[in-house]
Protein backbone atom coordinates (compact mmCIF):
# COMPACT_ATOMS: atom_id res chain seq x y z
CA MET A 1 0.04 -0.06 -0.19
CA LYS A 2 1.60 3.45 -1.05
CA LEU A 3 1.25 6.69 0.73
CA ASP A 4 2.49 9.56 -0.99
CA SER A 5 1.95 13.38 -0.58
CA ILE A 6 -1.29 13.28 -2.85
CA ALA A 7 -3.07 11.07 -0.34
CA LEU A 8 -1.59 13.07 2.61
CA SER A 9 -2.56 16.42 1.20
CA SER A 10 -6.17 15.23 0.61
CA VAL A 11 -6.42 13.69 4.31
CA ILE A 12 -4.94 17.00 5.53
CA SER A 13 -7.79 18.76 3.78
CA GLU A 14 -10.40 16.54 5.42
CA ILE A 15 -8.88 17.16 8.95
CA ARG A 16 -8.90 20.76 8.42
CA GLU A 17 -12.46 20.53 7.42
CA ASN A 18 -13.52 18.17 10.11
CA LEU A 19 -11.17 18.46 13.13
CA ILE A 20 -9.51 21.68 13.78
CA PRO A 21 -9.46 22.77 16.38
CA ALA A 22 -10.09 19.53 18.54
CA LYS A 23 -9.23 18.28 22.01
CA ILE A 24 -7.06 15.13 22.09
CA ILE A 25 -9.02 12.91 24.42
CA ASP A 26 -7.22 9.56 23.98
CA ILE A 27 -4.17 8.33 22.50
CA TYR A 28 -3.73 4.55 21.80
CA GLN A 29 -0.42 2.65 20.47
CA LEU A 30 -1.77 -0.54 18.71
CA ASN A 31 1.48 -1.98 17.95
CA LYS A 32 5.00 -1.05 17.30
CA TYR A 33 4.34 1.18 14.26
CA GLU A 34 0.58 2.17 14.48
CA ILE A 35 -1.01 5.13 16.61
CA LEU A 36 -4.69 5.97 17.06
CA MET A 37 -5.54 9.41 18.33
CA GLY A 38 -9.10 10.31 19.59
CA PHE A 39 -10.25 13.82 19.32
CA LYS A 40 -13.34 15.75 20.31
CA ASN A 41 -14.68 18.77 18.30
CA ASN A 42 -18.13 20.53 18.62
CA ASN A 43 -19.08 17.26 20.67
CA HIS A 44 -18.28 15.35 17.58
CA LEU A 45 -15.60 12.49 18.10
CA ASN A 46 -12.90 11.54 15.50
CA ASN A 47 -10.05 9.33 15.36
CA LEU A 48 -6.72 10.20 13.40
CA PHE A 49 -4.86 6.87 12.58
CA PHE A 50 -1.33 6.58 11.23
CA SER A 51 0.97 3.71 10.60
CA LEU A 52 4.70 3.98 10.21
CA ARG A 53 5.20 0.33 9.04
CA PRO A 54 7.46 0.50 6.27
CA ASP A 55 5.54 -1.75 3.92
CA ARG A 56 2.15 -0.29 4.71
CA MET A 57 2.20 3.38 5.81
CA ALA A 58 -1.16 4.90 6.40
CA PHE A 59 -2.51 8.37 7.48
CA PHE A 60 -6.57 8.73 7.61
CA LEU A 61 -9.56 9.77 9.84
CA SER A 62 -10.77 6.57 11.29
CA ASP A 63 -14.06 5.09 12.87
CA ALA A 64 -12.24 2.18 14.48
CA LEU A 65 -13.06 1.44 18.08
CA PRO A 66 -10.43 1.88 20.72
CA PRO A 67 -8.35 -1.02 21.61
CA SER A 68 -8.99 -3.12 24.86
CA GLU A 69 -5.30 -2.62 25.76
CA ASN A 70 -2.15 -0.71 24.59
CA PHE A 71 1.25 -1.74 23.29
CA SER A 72 3.57 -0.46 26.13
CA SER A 73 6.35 1.89 24.94
CA LEU A 74 8.25 4.97 26.36
CA PHE A 75 6.93 6.97 23.11
CA PHE A 76 3.40 6.17 24.04
CA ASN A 77 3.80 7.05 27.58
CA HIS A 78 5.30 10.44 26.58
CA LEU A 79 2.57 11.33 24.43
CA GLN A 80 0.08 10.52 27.05
CA ASN A 81 1.87 12.60 29.46
CA TRP A 82 2.57 15.78 27.22
CA ILE A 83 -0.04 15.98 24.66
CA GLN A 84 -3.31 14.10 25.92
CA GLY A 85 -5.57 16.69 27.08
CA GLY A 86 -4.49 19.31 24.58
CA VAL A 87 -5.67 20.84 21.58
CA LEU A 88 -4.93 20.06 17.93
CA LEU A 89 -4.45 23.81 16.56
CA ASP A 90 -3.33 23.19 13.22
CA ILE A 91 -1.96 20.72 10.80
CA LYS A 92 0.71 21.34 8.15
CA HIS A 93 2.03 19.51 5.19
CA CYS A 94 5.78 20.33 4.82
CA GLN A 95 6.79 21.42 1.16
CA PHE A 96 4.41 18.68 -0.20
CA ASP A 97 6.86 16.26 0.95
CA ARG A 98 5.76 13.03 2.86
CA ILE A 99 6.08 14.83 6.17
CA VAL A 100 2.91 15.98 8.41
CA SER A 101 3.20 18.37 11.19
CA LEU A 102 0.44 18.44 13.95
CA VAL A 103 0.55 21.55 16.04
CA ILE A 104 -0.61 21.04 19.35
CA LYS A 105 -1.30 23.13 22.52
CA PRO A 106 -0.84 20.84 25.57
CA TYR A 107 -2.96 21.11 28.61
CA ASN A 108 -1.26 22.99 31.36
CA LYS A 109 -3.24 23.98 34.43
CA PHE A 110 -1.17 26.84 35.56
CA GLY A 111 1.24 29.18 33.39
CA VAL A 112 1.15 29.64 29.66
CA PRO A 113 1.93 26.19 27.86
CA GLU A 114 4.34 25.84 25.05
CA GLN A 115 3.33 24.64 21.75
CA TYR A 116 4.26 21.06 20.63
CA LYS A 117 4.57 19.63 17.03
CA LEU A 118 4.30 16.12 16.38
CA MET A 119 6.41 15.62 13.04
CA ILE A 120 5.17 12.52 11.42
CA GLU A 121 7.71 11.38 8.61
CA PHE A 122 6.46 8.82 6.02
CA MET A 123 9.77 7.73 4.92
CA GLY A 124 9.78 3.90 4.34
CA LYS A 125 12.01 2.13 6.74
CA HIS A 126 13.04 5.58 7.90
CA SER A 127 9.57 6.62 8.98
CA ASN A 128 9.36 8.16 12.52
CA ALA A 129 7.02 10.11 14.77
CA ILE A 130 8.73 12.95 16.44
CA LEU A 131 7.59 15.33 19.25
CA ILE A 132 9.49 18.60 19.38
CA ASN A 133 8.81 21.74 21.38
CA GLU A 134 8.63 25.45 20.42
CA LYS A 135 12.43 25.69 20.71
CA ASN A 136 12.81 22.98 18.18
CA ILE A 137 14.04 20.46 20.70
CA ILE A 138 13.11 16.87 20.51
CA LYS A 139 11.08 15.72 23.38
CA THR A 140 10.45 12.00 22.34
CA SER A 141 10.34 9.93 19.21
CA LEU A 142 9.02 6.74 18.16
CA LYS A 143 12.53 5.50 17.04
CA GLN A 144 15.69 6.73 18.51
CA VAL A 145 18.52 7.15 15.74
CA GLY A 146 22.02 7.60 16.61
CA LEU A 147 25.04 9.13 14.36
CA GLU A 148 26.35 5.52 14.17
CA ILE A 149 23.11 4.75 12.11
CA ASN A 150 22.56 8.10 10.29
CA SER A 151 25.44 10.41 9.95
CA TYR A 152 23.25 13.21 8.48
CA ARG A 153 20.99 13.69 11.63
CA GLU A 154 20.49 12.42 15.09
CA ILE A 155 16.85 11.71 16.53
CA LYS A 156 17.08 11.67 20.41
CA PRO A 157 15.54 13.49 23.29
CA GLY A 158 16.98 16.78 24.33
CA ILE A 159 18.72 17.78 20.88
CA ALA A 160 17.53 20.05 17.85
CA TYR A 161 15.12 18.53 15.46
CA ILE A 162 16.78 18.48 11.76
CA PRO A 163 14.28 17.55 9.00
CA PRO A 164 15.29 14.81 6.58
CA PRO A 165 17.79 15.84 3.99
CA LYS A 166 16.32 17.78 1.00
CA GLN A 167 16.16 16.17 -2.30
CA ASP A 168 16.72 18.01 -5.72
CA LYS A 169 12.90 18.32 -6.31
CA TYR A 170 10.26 20.94 -6.54
CA ASN A 171 6.96 21.58 -4.91
CA PRO A 172 4.30 20.74 -7.39
CA LEU A 173 1.75 23.10 -5.62
CA THR A 174 4.07 26.31 -5.87
CA ILE A 175 5.81 25.74 -9.42
CA SER A 176 5.15 28.46 -11.80
CA LYS A 177 4.81 28.02 -15.61
CA PRO A 178 8.27 29.26 -16.55
CA ASP A 179 9.92 27.08 -13.89
CA PHE A 180 7.97 23.95 -15.29
CA MET A 181 9.34 25.01 -18.80
CA ASN A 182 12.84 25.18 -17.39
CA ILE A 183 12.67 21.97 -15.57
CA LEU A 184 11.30 20.17 -18.64
CA TYR A 185 14.28 21.76 -20.77
CA LYS A 186 16.67 20.48 -18.22
CA ALA A 187 15.19 16.97 -18.05
CA LYS A 188 15.39 16.78 -21.93
CA GLN A 189 18.92 17.94 -21.90
CA LYS A 190 19.97 15.49 -19.04
CA GLN A 191 18.37 12.63 -20.75
CA ASP A 192 18.33 10.77 -17.61
CA ILE A 193 14.63 9.51 -18.02
CA GLU A 194 12.68 7.88 -20.79
CA TYR A 195 8.94 8.18 -20.02
CA LEU A 196 6.88 11.14 -19.13
CA TRP A 197 5.63 9.54 -15.91
CA GLN A 198 9.23 9.41 -14.81
CA PHE A 199 9.57 13.14 -15.17
CA PHE A 200 6.90 13.79 -12.52
CA PHE A 201 8.47 10.95 -10.20
CA ASN A 202 11.84 12.37 -10.54
CA TYR A 203 11.42 16.04 -10.48
CA PHE A 204 8.41 16.67 -7.98
CA TYR A 205 8.31 16.11 -4.16
CA GLY A 206 6.00 13.38 -2.79
CA ILE A 207 4.55 12.06 -5.94
CA SER A 208 4.92 8.25 -6.01
CA ALA A 209 5.56 6.20 -9.26
CA GLN A 210 2.17 4.72 -9.28
CA SER A 211 0.65 8.44 -8.81
CA SER A 212 2.88 9.70 -11.52
CA LYS A 213 1.62 7.01 -14.04
CA GLU A 214 -1.93 7.85 -12.91
CA MET A 215 -1.28 11.44 -13.51
CA VAL A 216 -0.16 10.82 -17.08
CA LEU A 217 -3.25 8.55 -17.74
CA PHE A 218 -5.29 11.29 -16.49
CA MET A 219 -3.88 13.92 -18.82
CA ASP A 220 -4.55 11.59 -21.74
CA PHE A 221 -1.18 10.26 -22.26
CA SER A 222 0.02 6.84 -22.73
CA LEU A 223 2.33 5.04 -20.01
CA LYS A 224 4.65 4.55 -22.69
CA GLN A 225 4.59 8.23 -23.75
CA SER A 226 8.51 9.29 -24.01
CA LEU A 227 9.39 12.66 -22.81
CA ASP A 228 11.76 13.24 -25.97
CA SER A 229 8.77 12.67 -28.19
CA ILE A 230 6.76 15.67 -26.82
CA ASP A 231 7.62 18.56 -29.02
CA GLU A 232 8.37 21.83 -27.32
CA GLN A 233 5.23 23.44 -28.97
CA LYS A 234 3.08 21.10 -26.91
CA TRP A 235 4.91 21.93 -23.44
CA PRO A 236 2.28 24.56 -22.87
CA LEU A 237 -0.63 21.99 -23.49
CA LEU A 238 1.37 19.79 -20.92
CA TRP A 239 1.44 22.50 -18.45
CA ASN A 240 -2.24 23.31 -18.73
CA LYS A 241 -3.09 19.62 -17.99
CA PHE A 242 -0.62 19.47 -15.08
CA SER A 243 -1.69 22.79 -13.53
CA GLY A 244 -5.59 21.69 -13.92
CA LEU A 245 -4.58 18.40 -11.91
CA ILE A 246 -2.61 20.15 -9.32
CA LYS A 247 -5.66 22.62 -8.81
CA ASN A 248 -7.77 19.35 -8.20
CA ILE A 249 -5.30 18.00 -5.94
CA GLU A 250 -5.10 21.58 -3.95
CA ASP A 251 -9.03 21.70 -3.75
CA ASN A 252 -9.17 18.27 -2.85
CA LYS A 253 -11.39 17.36 -5.85
CA LEU A 254 -10.10 13.55 -6.41
CA SER A 255 -11.58 10.28 -7.00
CA PRO A 256 -10.94 7.83 -4.25
CA VAL A 257 -11.39 4.23 -5.42
CA ALA A 258 -10.62 0.90 -3.79
CA LEU A 259 -9.10 -1.49 -6.33
CA ILE A 260 -10.08 -4.94 -6.56
CA ASP A 261 -8.25 -7.65 -8.56
CA ILE A 262 -11.16 -9.30 -10.44
CA ASN A 263 -9.41 -12.78 -11.13
CA LYS A 264 -8.51 -13.12 -7.23
CA ASN A 265 -11.46 -11.02 -5.93
CA GLN A 266 -9.10 -9.18 -3.42
CA ILE A 267 -8.41 -5.62 -2.58
CA THR A 268 -5.09 -4.80 -3.89
CA ASP A 269 -4.39 -1.00 -3.52
CA TYR A 270 -6.43 2.44 -4.09
CA SER A 271 -6.21 5.15 -6.71
CA LEU A 272 -7.09 8.73 -6.23
CA ILE A 273 -6.71 10.09 -9.94
CA PHE A 274 -6.90 7.37 -12.40
CA PRO A 275 -6.65 3.54 -12.16
CA ILE A 276 -4.02 2.16 -14.22
CA ASP A 277 -4.92 -1.48 -14.77
CA THR A 278 -8.60 -1.11 -16.01
CA GLN A 279 -8.84 -4.57 -17.45
CA ASN A 280 -8.15 -6.98 -14.55
CA THR A 281 -9.17 -4.37 -12.04
CA ALA A 282 -12.68 -3.12 -10.62
CA GLY A 283 -13.17 -0.30 -8.40
CA ILE A 284 -15.20 0.82 -5.20
CA GLN A 285 -15.91 4.42 -5.26
CA PHE A 286 -15.72 6.48 -1.90
CA GLU A 287 -16.83 9.81 -1.00
CA ASN A 288 -13.47 10.92 0.68
CA THR A 289 -9.94 9.83 0.81
CA SER A 290 -9.94 8.82 4.59
CA SER A 291 -12.56 6.14 4.02
CA CYS A 292 -10.90 4.76 1.10
CA LEU A 293 -7.50 4.56 2.64
CA GLY A 294 -9.04 3.10 5.95
CA PHE A 295 -10.91 0.36 3.88
CA VAL A 296 -8.06 -0.38 1.94
CA PHE A 297 -5.63 -0.67 5.02
CA ASN A 298 -8.17 -2.79 6.99
CA LYS A 299 -8.72 -5.20 4.07
CA LEU A 300 -5.00 -5.67 3.54
CA LYS A 301 -4.51 -6.04 7.36
CA ASP A 302 -7.16 -8.40 7.61
CA ARG A 303 -5.82 -10.31 4.47
CA GLU A 304 -2.14 -10.61 6.18
CA GLN A 305 -3.73 -11.67 9.50
CA LYS A 306 -5.71 -14.51 7.59
CA GLN A 307 -2.51 -15.49 5.68
CA GLU A 308 -0.45 -15.55 9.01
CA LEU A 309 -3.22 -17.53 10.84
CA TYR A 310 -3.47 -19.82 7.82
CA PHE A 311 0.35 -20.50 7.64
CA THR A 312 0.50 -20.85 11.45
CA ILE A 313 -2.42 -23.46 11.50
CA ASN A 314 -1.01 -25.34 8.36
CA ARG A 315 2.36 -25.54 9.78
CA VAL A 316 1.11 -27.14 13.03
CA LEU A 317 -1.20 -29.70 11.28
CA LYS A 318 1.51 -30.64 8.89
CA LYS A 319 4.02 -31.03 11.88
CA GLY A 320 1.09 -33.08 14.07
CA ILE A 321 0.26 -35.24 11.05
CA ALA A 322 4.01 -36.08 10.46
CA ARG A 323 4.45 -36.97 14.43
CA ILE A 324 1.28 -39.09 14.30
CA LYS A 325 2.59 -40.92 11.43
CA GLU A 326 6.03 -41.42 12.81
CA LYS A 327 4.39 -42.76 16.16
CA GLU A 328 2.04 -44.93 13.87
CA HIS A 329 5.17 -46.69 12.52
CA SER A 330 6.57 -47.10 16.01
CA LEU A 331 3.55 -48.56 17.22
CA GLN A 332 3.14 -51.05 14.31
CA GLN A 333 6.87 -52.29 15.05
CA ARG A 334 5.82 -52.58 18.66
CA LYS A 335 2.70 -54.50 17.70
CA GLU A 336 4.79 -56.98 15.46
CA GLU A 337 7.09 -57.59 18.37
CA ILE A 338 4.26 -58.47 20.91
CA GLU A 339 2.88 -60.81 18.28
CA ASN A 340 6.15 -62.37 18.07
CA SER A 341 6.86 -62.29 22.04
CA ASP A 342 6.63 -66.18 22.10
CA MET A 343 9.79 -66.24 20.56
CA TYR A 344 11.55 -64.74 23.68
CA LYS A 345 9.91 -67.28 25.81
CA LYS A 346 11.18 -70.26 23.77
CA ARG A 347 14.63 -68.89 23.62
CA GLY A 348 14.60 -68.70 27.32
CA GLU A 349 13.53 -72.28 27.56
CA LEU A 350 15.98 -73.28 25.11
CA ILE A 351 18.93 -71.49 27.05
CA LYS A 352 17.76 -73.51 30.33
CA ALA A 353 17.69 -76.81 28.44
CA ASN A 354 21.33 -76.39 27.11
CA LEU A 355 22.79 -74.95 30.39
CA TRP A 356 25.53 -77.78 30.42
CA LYS A 357 27.09 -76.80 27.19
CA ILE A 358 27.20 -72.83 27.69
CA ASN A 359 30.42 -71.58 28.72
CA PRO A 360 30.76 -68.43 30.69
CA GLY A 361 31.57 -65.20 28.54
CA THR A 362 29.75 -66.81 25.50
CA GLN A 363 28.35 -64.40 23.20
CA THR A 364 26.05 -66.80 20.95
CA ILE A 365 25.00 -70.29 21.10
CA THR A 366 23.39 -72.42 18.39
CA VAL A 367 21.03 -75.12 19.59
CA ILE A 368 18.50 -77.52 18.27
CA ASP A 369 14.85 -76.32 18.63
CA TYR A 370 13.14 -79.27 20.09
CA THR A 371 9.66 -77.74 19.75
CA ASP A 372 10.11 -77.75 15.91
CA ILE A 373 9.21 -80.79 14.08
CA GLN A 374 12.12 -80.39 11.75
CA GLN A 375 14.45 -80.02 14.67
CA LYS A 376 16.00 -76.75 12.86
CA GLN A 377 18.92 -75.17 14.77
CA VAL A 378 18.31 -71.71 16.50
CA THR A 379 21.10 -69.02 16.96
CA ILE A 380 20.60 -67.13 20.25
CA ASN A 381 22.58 -63.93 21.20
CA LEU A 382 23.70 -63.82 24.74
CA ASP A 383 24.95 -61.21 27.09
CA PRO A 384 28.58 -62.25 28.02
CA ASN A 385 28.44 -60.16 31.09
CA LEU A 386 25.69 -62.34 32.62
CA THR A 387 25.30 -65.99 33.52
CA PRO A 388 23.19 -68.35 31.16
CA VAL A 389 20.47 -68.34 33.92
CA GLN A 390 20.45 -64.65 34.06
CA ASN A 391 20.12 -64.36 30.05
CA ALA A 392 17.15 -66.71 30.27
CA LYS A 393 15.52 -64.67 33.00
CA ASN A 394 15.88 -61.53 31.14
CA LEU A 395 14.18 -63.28 27.94
CA PHE A 396 11.33 -64.38 30.12
CA LYS A 397 10.88 -60.79 31.54
CA LYS A 398 10.67 -59.44 28.22
CA TYR A 399 8.20 -62.00 27.23
CA LYS A 400 6.03 -61.05 30.26
CA LYS A 401 6.34 -57.44 29.80
CA LEU A 402 5.32 -57.69 25.94
CA GLN A 403 2.38 -59.72 27.06
CA LYS A 404 1.11 -57.25 29.47
CA ASN A 405 1.27 -54.68 26.59
CA LYS A 406 -1.05 -56.50 24.32
CA ASP A 407 -4.27 -54.92 25.17
CA ILE A 408 -2.42 -51.50 25.76
CA ILE A 409 -0.95 -51.30 22.18
CA GLU A 410 -4.33 -51.97 20.59
CA THR A 411 -5.72 -49.05 22.62
CA GLN A 412 -2.66 -46.78 21.68
CA ILE A 413 -2.94 -47.56 17.95
CA ASN A 414 -6.85 -46.83 17.84
CA ASP A 415 -6.18 -43.42 19.73
CA ASN A 416 -3.56 -42.63 17.24
CA ASN A 417 -5.63 -43.53 14.18
CA LYS A 418 -8.45 -41.16 15.85
CA SER A 419 -6.06 -38.32 16.33
CA LEU A 420 -4.66 -38.74 12.49
CA GLN A 421 -8.25 -38.92 11.17
CA GLN A 422 -9.13 -35.68 13.45
CA LEU A 423 -5.83 -33.75 12.21
CA ASN A 424 -6.75 -34.78 8.37
CA LYS A 425 -10.22 -33.62 8.82
CA LEU A 426 -9.02 -30.28 10.24
CA GLN A 427 -6.50 -30.17 7.20
CA ASN A 428 -9.27 -30.53 4.68
CA LYS A 429 -11.25 -27.96 6.38
CA LEU A 430 -8.36 -25.52 6.10
CA ASN A 431 -7.74 -26.14 2.45
CA GLN A 432 -11.56 -25.59 1.76
CA ASN A 433 -11.53 -22.13 3.54
CA PRO A 434 -8.17 -20.68 3.54
CA TYR A 435 -9.71 -17.09 3.25
CA SER A 436 -12.44 -17.44 5.93
CA LEU A 437 -11.46 -15.73 9.11
CA GLU A 438 -14.34 -17.29 10.88
CA ILE A 439 -13.26 -20.98 10.08
CA LEU A 440 -9.46 -20.08 10.53
CA SER A 441 -10.28 -18.84 14.14
CA LEU A 442 -12.23 -21.85 14.87
CA LEU A 443 -9.41 -24.13 13.63
CA TYR A 444 -7.01 -22.13 15.64
CA ASP A 445 -9.13 -22.46 18.90
CA LYS A 446 -9.56 -26.20 18.25
CA LEU A 447 -5.64 -26.71 18.00
CA VAL A 448 -5.27 -24.76 21.19
CA GLN A 449 -7.82 -26.98 22.84
CA LEU A 450 -6.10 -30.24 21.65
CA ASN A 451 -2.80 -28.78 23.06
CA TYR A 452 -1.25 -28.51 19.57
CA ILE A 453 -0.87 -24.70 20.12
CA LYS A 454 0.19 -23.51 23.44
CA LYS A 455 -2.18 -20.52 24.75
CA GLU A 456 -0.21 -17.36 25.78
CA LYS A 457 0.15 -16.85 29.37
CA GLY A 458 -1.95 -13.81 30.89
CA THR A 459 1.34 -12.08 32.17
CA LYS A 460 1.77 -10.49 28.80
CA SER A 461 -1.19 -8.48 28.99
CA LYS A 462 0.01 -7.27 32.38
CA ARG A 463 3.16 -6.24 30.97
CA LYS A 464 1.77 -4.12 28.11
CA THR A 465 -0.53 -2.07 30.57
CA GLU A 466 2.71 -1.38 33.03
CA GLN A 467 3.40 2.22 33.10
CA ALA A 468 6.94 3.44 32.91
CA PRO A 469 8.12 5.51 36.00
CA LEU A 470 8.51 8.90 36.25
CA VAL A 471 12.22 10.20 35.96
CA SER A 472 13.45 13.51 37.34
CA LYS A 473 15.08 15.43 34.32
CA PHE A 474 17.44 18.36 34.87
CA ILE A 475 19.23 20.73 32.52
CA SER A 476 22.83 21.26 33.43
CA PRO A 477 24.29 25.06 33.71
CA GLU A 478 25.68 24.19 30.15
CA GLY A 479 22.55 23.01 28.75
CA LEU A 480 23.18 19.06 28.89
CA THR A 481 20.24 16.64 29.83
CA ILE A 482 20.76 15.12 33.14
CA LEU A 483 18.51 12.10 34.60
CA ALA A 484 18.28 10.90 38.04
CA GLY A 485 16.43 8.05 39.57
CA LYS A 486 14.97 8.13 43.20
CA ASN A 487 14.31 4.67 43.90
CA ASN A 488 15.20 1.36 42.51
CA LYS A 489 12.50 1.13 39.79
CA GLN A 490 13.57 4.26 38.37
CA ASN A 491 17.26 3.60 38.49
CA GLU A 492 16.76 0.50 36.65
CA PHE A 493 14.45 2.24 34.22
CA ILE A 494 17.21 4.73 33.42
CA LEU A 495 19.96 2.52 32.94
CA ARG A 496 17.92 -0.02 30.65
CA HIS A 497 15.60 2.44 28.44
CA LEU A 498 16.90 6.09 28.80
CA SER A 499 20.68 5.78 28.57
CA SER A 500 23.23 4.88 25.97
CA GLY A 501 26.95 3.55 25.92
CA ASN A 502 28.76 6.92 25.79
CA ASP A 503 26.50 8.73 28.41
CA PHE A 504 28.25 9.31 31.93
CA TRP A 505 26.82 7.59 34.89
CA LEU A 506 27.12 8.60 38.65
CA HIS A 507 26.61 7.09 41.86
CA ASN A 508 27.55 7.64 45.52
CA LEU A 509 30.43 5.44 46.26
CA THR A 510 29.88 4.62 49.93
CA ARG A 511 26.09 5.13 50.46
CA PRO A 512 22.93 3.96 48.81
CA GLY A 513 21.34 6.26 46.58
CA SER A 514 20.32 7.76 43.00
CA HIS A 515 21.66 6.76 39.76
CA VAL A 516 22.42 10.00 37.62
CA ILE A 517 22.80 9.92 34.07
CA ILE A 518 24.45 12.69 32.21
CA LYS A 519 23.44 12.62 28.44
CA ASN A 520 26.43 12.77 26.04
CA HIS A 521 24.76 13.86 22.81
CA LYS A 522 28.14 15.17 21.52
CA ASN A 523 29.95 12.04 22.25
CA GLU A 524 32.60 13.91 24.56
CA ASP A 525 35.19 11.73 26.08
CA SER A 526 34.54 13.45 29.38
CA PRO A 527 31.99 15.82 31.01
CA SER A 528 32.78 19.35 31.60
CA TYR A 529 33.50 20.45 35.06
CA LEU A 530 30.37 22.55 35.78
CA THR A 531 28.09 19.75 34.49
CA LEU A 532 30.04 16.98 36.32
CA LEU A 533 29.83 18.96 39.63
CA PHE A 534 25.99 19.81 39.38
CA ALA A 535 25.35 15.78 38.52
CA ALA A 536 27.62 14.80 41.47
CA ARG A 537 25.75 17.01 43.89
CA LEU A 538 22.56 15.59 42.69
CA ALA A 539 24.01 12.06 43.21
CA GLY A 540 24.98 13.15 46.70
CA TYR A 541 21.75 14.91 47.47
CA TYR A 542 19.73 11.85 46.26
CA SER A 543 21.50 9.41 48.57
CA LYS A 544 21.75 8.65 52.25
CA THR A 545 24.42 11.36 52.77
CA LYS A 546 23.62 13.76 55.65
CA ASP A 547 23.54 17.45 55.34
CA LYS A 548 26.83 19.15 55.37
CA GLU A 549 28.80 16.09 54.75
CA SER A 550 31.06 15.41 52.03
CA ALA A 551 30.35 12.60 49.42
CA ILE A 552 32.71 10.61 47.39
CA ILE A 553 30.95 10.27 43.73
CA ILE A 554 32.19 7.81 41.32
CA TYR A 555 31.61 8.22 37.54
CA THR A 556 32.21 6.44 34.31
CA GLN A 557 30.65 5.90 31.02
CA ARG A 558 27.45 3.98 30.79
CA LYS A 559 29.06 1.32 28.80
CA TYR A 560 31.25 0.32 31.67
CA VAL A 561 28.06 -0.26 34.02
CA LYS A 562 26.83 -3.89 33.90
CA LYS A 563 23.95 -5.62 35.75
CA PRO A 564 24.70 -8.86 37.34
CA ARG A 565 22.44 -11.83 36.34
CA ASP A 566 19.57 -12.17 38.64
CA ALA A 567 20.71 -9.11 40.48
CA LYS A 568 17.90 -6.97 42.34
CA PRO A 569 16.58 -3.65 40.59
CA GLY A 570 19.23 -0.93 40.57
CA LYS A 571 22.21 -3.15 41.56
CA VAL A 572 25.23 -2.99 39.22
CA ILE A 573 28.82 -3.46 38.81
CA TYR A 574 31.08 -0.90 37.22
CA SER A 575 34.57 -0.35 35.87
CA ASN A 576 37.11 2.44 34.32
CA GLU A 577 35.48 4.76 37.39
CA LYS A 578 36.81 7.98 38.53
CA THR A 579 35.79 9.88 41.64
CA ILE A 580 35.18 13.69 42.63
CA THR A 581 34.33 14.58 46.03
CA VAL A 582 31.53 17.19 46.72
CA SER A 583 29.94 19.03 49.57
CA ILE A 584 26.40 18.16 50.28
CA ASP A 585 24.70 21.19 51.39
CA TYR A 586 20.87 20.46 51.26
CA ASP A 587 19.54 24.22 51.03
CA GLU A 588 21.98 25.09 48.26
CA ILE A 589 21.28 22.02 46.27
CA LYS A 590 17.62 22.41 46.47
CA LYS A 591 17.69 25.80 45.12
CA GLU A 592 19.71 24.42 42.15
CA ILE A 593 17.29 21.62 41.65
CA ASN A 594 14.29 24.19 41.56
CA ARG A 595 16.00 26.19 39.11
CA MET A 596 17.32 23.39 36.81
CA ILE A 597 14.56 20.64 36.95
CA VAL A 598 12.57 20.05 33.76
CA THR A 599 10.28 17.16 34.92
């Protein structure tokens, strides 16, 4: 499912018409990539949904019901704390690129609240949602990106937000006729493209390859129309058709259609301008883009869930049938052995009858079978470490054991056959109904009931709803972010989720107390003295150091702090540490805290 700026522009128009201004009453994170925001405007409720999954990006107004539980993440917790209860003031489309900005005034009971912007970047595998404040500083993000991953920009809380790198493209909404002609001339001179649709895709922001093809068809050109074959005298005509289409995009006069593959009878995609494959494709018309995008997104998601469910059930059934057939073979062998168990009794008796000729340590003996009419010879294997009598006893024991299992083996074979018939029946039902979610769900539940699929334990849902602990955040005299935990739970959370390897960790050497982290955004080898002194005073203040005492504070980089296996929360070991001694004056430090604290 594609998502380009034509679709974004249309949905943004619908949001401006139906939402703004609106109060943010709910925020839900459905999974790793999907966010649902609930709004209230003039007593009307609306939901805004967006997905940053690389292969299925989406952005539309939704009528979906809120989920029963949330996917827990630090990003979700921050959105709840900082913008839920606020007001959506505006929505902006950045340079017709695939970036949407939600301008939000957060709820603040006292004082004048600062405005936030939620930057939603639809950039394939680089997609992200980033909350920034009025000073353009990142507050939180769905994905944090370090310089080791992206050398152009870092995406982490506390640093300035830098937009994605600009491309050598033009905004189709603001392009003038002379500039359009110059771009055409430039493209023909470069000879880097062959078809007309590639011209729109390569030279204009936010237009996907599919939308470029739809635009060409809408303007009455063929998809195989080459750029070189369009004479310069026809360029004004091309401009007129292009500008007319752009005017339709600006005015949101599009034709949303959900596309259906006629042969497979499946939803495949959507079109907002002109469907490309009209021979093998049928369409469902929609009044607005959000309804169309939501319909297609949910259909594709349902189809993927059905496929995943089908493959899971099919894999379990095949594995179960293979195991039952393997067990069937083993049971048949066991049955044959039971049916021939008289052989062990006979051999035990033959050993007892020939004790006089068996020497100690003998491995095999050949004797005459006196029960056979023809008096044939029989070779019997012996355990050389046992006496002849013990060998005979073992054979008699084996005979008795097999006789006891005679009735049991029949029951086991019958039960095994019933299980095989049951799984074959489920397999046939699966093959007959591969696209029915109802049948697939029933089959899945049946396999859970039969213990072929283990049901998820209830502890998972508890973990999902668990809230992240609040952590004190400070700004040092030199503008660096400092985090401090005040209990073991906060200390554990800071170490596991809010710090990276090059950050600096501080702790009181001799007393229990806070873990303090200095965020090292610039990857310095050591913290500056003023920042280190402030952080050290915090580490001493949030410990069991008494007023007017001196505290020895250790500090090292976070990568040298390790948590021992099965250690209690907050318990760590460290190396490469240094020390700094600070005087703890409660009144002075409290004044600094009130001045420097952020949250």
